[in-house]
């Protein structure tokens, strides 16, 4: 490990503390994970968009099949919502 000193604004420190708490790790580990994710392009930048586009192309899903999938999912979601309302 190499120790370093960095200046962070209060908002960044709060975000770091929240990540560490949510992940149940030290702030140093949370910062390492964030840096590694950013280096891999996991921040939703152009690399993530390119990966999503490649995935969509690989599915070779035609317009009709995509519309059928969308209708099926919408129906499943409505049914799940109705079940939750019935239980509540």
C-alpha atoms as a PDB file:
ATOM      1  CA  UNK A   1       0.000   0.000   0.000  1.00  0.00           C
ATOM      2  CA  UNK A   2       1.053   3.539  -0.711  1.00  0.00           C
ATOM      3  CA  UNK A   3      -0.324   6.156   1.645  1.00  0.00           C
ATOM      4  CA  UNK A   4      -1.228   9.552   0.253  1.00  0.00           C
ATOM      5  CA  UNK A   5      -2.886  12.750   1.376  1.00  0.00           C
ATOM      6  CA  UNK A   6      -5.672  14.310  -0.680  1.00  0.00           C
ATOM      7  CA  UNK A   7      -7.995  17.240  -0.103  1.00  0.00           C
ATOM      8  CA  UNK A   8     -11.699  16.526  -0.575  1.00  0.00           C
ATOM      9  CA  UNK A   9     -14.608  18.906  -0.246  1.00  0.00           C
ATOM     10  CA  UNK A  10     -17.288  18.184   2.338  1.00  0.00           C
ATOM     11  CA  UNK A  11     -19.718  16.806  -0.252  1.00  0.00           C
ATOM     12  CA  UNK A  12     -17.145  14.293  -1.519  1.00  0.00           C
ATOM     13  CA  UNK A  13     -16.336  13.200   2.032  1.00  0.00           C
ATOM     14  CA  UNK A  14     -20.026  12.650   2.810  1.00  0.00           C
ATOM     15  CA  UNK A  15     -20.416  10.630  -0.388  1.00  0.00           C
ATOM     16  CA  UNK A  16     -17.343   8.563   0.479  1.00  0.00           C
ATOM     17  CA  UNK A  17     -18.623   7.921   3.997  1.00  0.00           C
ATOM     18  CA  UNK A  18     -22.018   6.885   2.599  1.00  0.00           C
ATOM     19  CA  UNK A  19     -20.429   4.461   0.115  1.00  0.00           C
ATOM     20  CA  UNK A  20     -18.260   2.947   2.829  1.00  0.00           C
ATOM     21  CA  UNK A  21     -21.240   2.532   5.147  1.00  0.00           C
ATOM     22  CA  UNK A  22     -23.436   1.032   2.422  1.00  0.00           C
ATOM     23  CA  UNK A  23     -20.710  -1.397   1.309  1.00  0.00           C
ATOM     24  CA  UNK A  24     -19.626  -2.078   4.914  1.00  0.00           C
ATOM     25  CA  UNK A  25     -15.979  -1.323   4.171  1.00  0.00           C
ATOM     26  CA  UNK A  26     -13.446   1.286   5.223  1.00  0.00           C
ATOM     27  CA  UNK A  27     -13.385   4.660   3.510  1.00  0.00           C
ATOM     28  CA  UNK A  28     -10.036   3.698   1.978  1.00  0.00           C
ATOM     29  CA  UNK A  29     -11.552   0.565   0.454  1.00  0.00           C
ATOM     30  CA  UNK A  30     -14.576   2.493  -0.817  1.00  0.00           C
ATOM     31  CA  UNK A  31     -12.256   5.023  -2.446  1.00  0.00           C
ATOM     32  CA  UNK A  32     -10.188   2.233  -4.036  1.00  0.00           C
ATOM     33  CA  UNK A  33     -13.342   0.623  -5.447  1.00  0.00           C
ATOM     34  CA  UNK A  34     -14.578   3.935  -6.826  1.00  0.00           C
ATOM     35  CA  UNK A  35     -11.241   4.641  -8.472  1.00  0.00           C
ATOM     36  CA  UNK A  36     -11.090   1.167 -10.024  1.00  0.00           C
ATOM     37  CA  UNK A  37     -14.679   1.450 -11.275  1.00  0.00           C
ATOM     38  CA  UNK A  38     -13.988   4.847 -12.823  1.00  0.00           C
ATOM     39  CA  UNK A  39     -10.835   3.504 -14.464  1.00  0.00           C
ATOM     40  CA  UNK A  40     -12.880   0.661 -15.994  1.00  0.00           C
ATOM     41  CA  UNK A  41     -15.460   3.134 -17.257  1.00  0.00           C
ATOM     42  CA  UNK A  42     -18.207   1.910 -14.934  1.00  0.00           C
ATOM     43  CA  UNK A  43     -19.366   5.456 -14.328  1.00  0.00           C
ATOM     44  CA  UNK A  44     -21.844   5.315 -17.194  1.00  0.00           C
ATOM     45  CA  UNK A  45     -19.596   7.101 -19.652  1.00  0.00           C
ATOM     46  CA  UNK A  46     -19.052   6.301 -23.319  1.00  0.00           C
ATOM     47  CA  UNK A  47     -17.651   2.827 -22.573  1.00  0.00           C
ATOM     48  CA  UNK A  48     -20.824   1.820 -20.736  1.00  0.00           C
ATOM     49  CA  UNK A  49     -23.000   3.104 -23.574  1.00  0.00           C
ATOM     50  CA  UNK A  50     -20.899   1.221 -26.129  1.00  0.00           C
ATOM     51  CA  UNK A  51     -21.228  -1.974 -24.058  1.00  0.00           C
ATOM     52  CA  UNK A  52     -25.013  -1.583 -23.896  1.00  0.00           C
ATOM     53  CA  UNK A  53     -25.224  -0.985 -27.643  1.00  0.00           C
ATOM     54  CA  UNK A  54     -23.107  -4.076 -28.310  1.00  0.00           C
ATOM     55  CA  UNK A  55     -25.351  -6.159 -26.047  1.00  0.00           C
ATOM     56  CA  UNK A  56     -28.449  -4.923 -27.829  1.00  0.00           C
ATOM     57  CA  UNK A  57     -26.915  -5.730 -31.244  1.00  0.00           C
ATOM     58  CA  UNK A  58     -25.941  -9.210 -30.064  1.00  0.00           C
ATOM     59  CA  UNK A  59     -29.575  -9.988 -29.199  1.00  0.00           C
ATOM     60  CA  UNK A  60     -30.651  -9.394 -32.813  1.00  0.00           C
ATOM     61  CA  UNK A  61     -34.135  -8.627 -31.560  1.00  0.00           C
ATOM     62  CA  UNK A  62     -36.470  -7.452 -34.333  1.00  0.00           C
ATOM     63  CA  UNK A  63     -39.052  -4.721 -33.837  1.00  0.00           C
ATOM     64  CA  UNK A  64     -41.972  -7.144 -33.609  1.00  0.00           C
ATOM     65  CA  UNK A  65     -40.227  -9.381 -31.062  1.00  0.00           C
ATOM     66  CA  UNK A  66     -39.173  -6.340 -29.033  1.00  0.00           C
ATOM     67  CA  UNK A  67     -42.759  -5.046 -28.989  1.00  0.00           C
ATOM     68  CA  UNK A  68     -44.045  -8.464 -27.859  1.00  0.00           C
ATOM     69  CA  UNK A  69     -41.430  -8.572 -25.100  1.00  0.00           C
ATOM     70  CA  UNK A  70     -42.424  -5.082 -23.993  1.00  0.00           C
ATOM     71  CA  UNK A  71     -46.121  -6.025 -23.853  1.00  0.00           C
ATOM     72  CA  UNK A  72     -45.355  -9.191 -21.862  1.00  0.00           C
ATOM     73  CA  UNK A  73     -43.196  -7.344 -19.332  1.00  0.00           C
ATOM     74  CA  UNK A  74     -45.755  -4.554 -18.937  1.00  0.00           C
ATOM     75  CA  UNK A  75     -48.448  -7.157 -18.277  1.00  0.00           C
ATOM     76  CA  UNK A  76     -46.271  -8.948 -15.703  1.00  0.00           C
ATOM     77  CA  UNK A  77     -45.546  -5.675 -13.911  1.00  0.00           C
ATOM     78  CA  UNK A  78     -49.240  -4.752 -13.783  1.00  0.00           C
ATOM     79  CA  UNK A  79     -50.081  -8.186 -12.382  1.00  0.00           C
ATOM     80  CA  UNK A  80     -47.379  -7.870  -9.720  1.00  0.00           C
ATOM     81  CA  UNK A  81     -48.669  -4.430  -8.741  1.00  0.00           C
ATOM     82  CA  UNK A  82     -52.224  -5.766  -8.478  1.00  0.00           C
ATOM     83  CA  UNK A  83     -51.039  -8.634  -6.234  1.00  0.00           C
ATOM     84  CA  UNK A  84     -49.251  -6.181  -3.937  1.00  0.00           C
ATOM     85  CA  UNK A  85     -52.362  -4.012  -3.697  1.00  0.00           C
ATOM     86  CA  UNK A  86     -54.502  -7.069  -2.899  1.00  0.00           C
ATOM     87  CA  UNK A  87     -52.160  -8.031  -0.034  1.00  0.00           C
ATOM     88  CA  UNK A  88     -51.999  -4.479   1.349  1.00  0.00           C
END
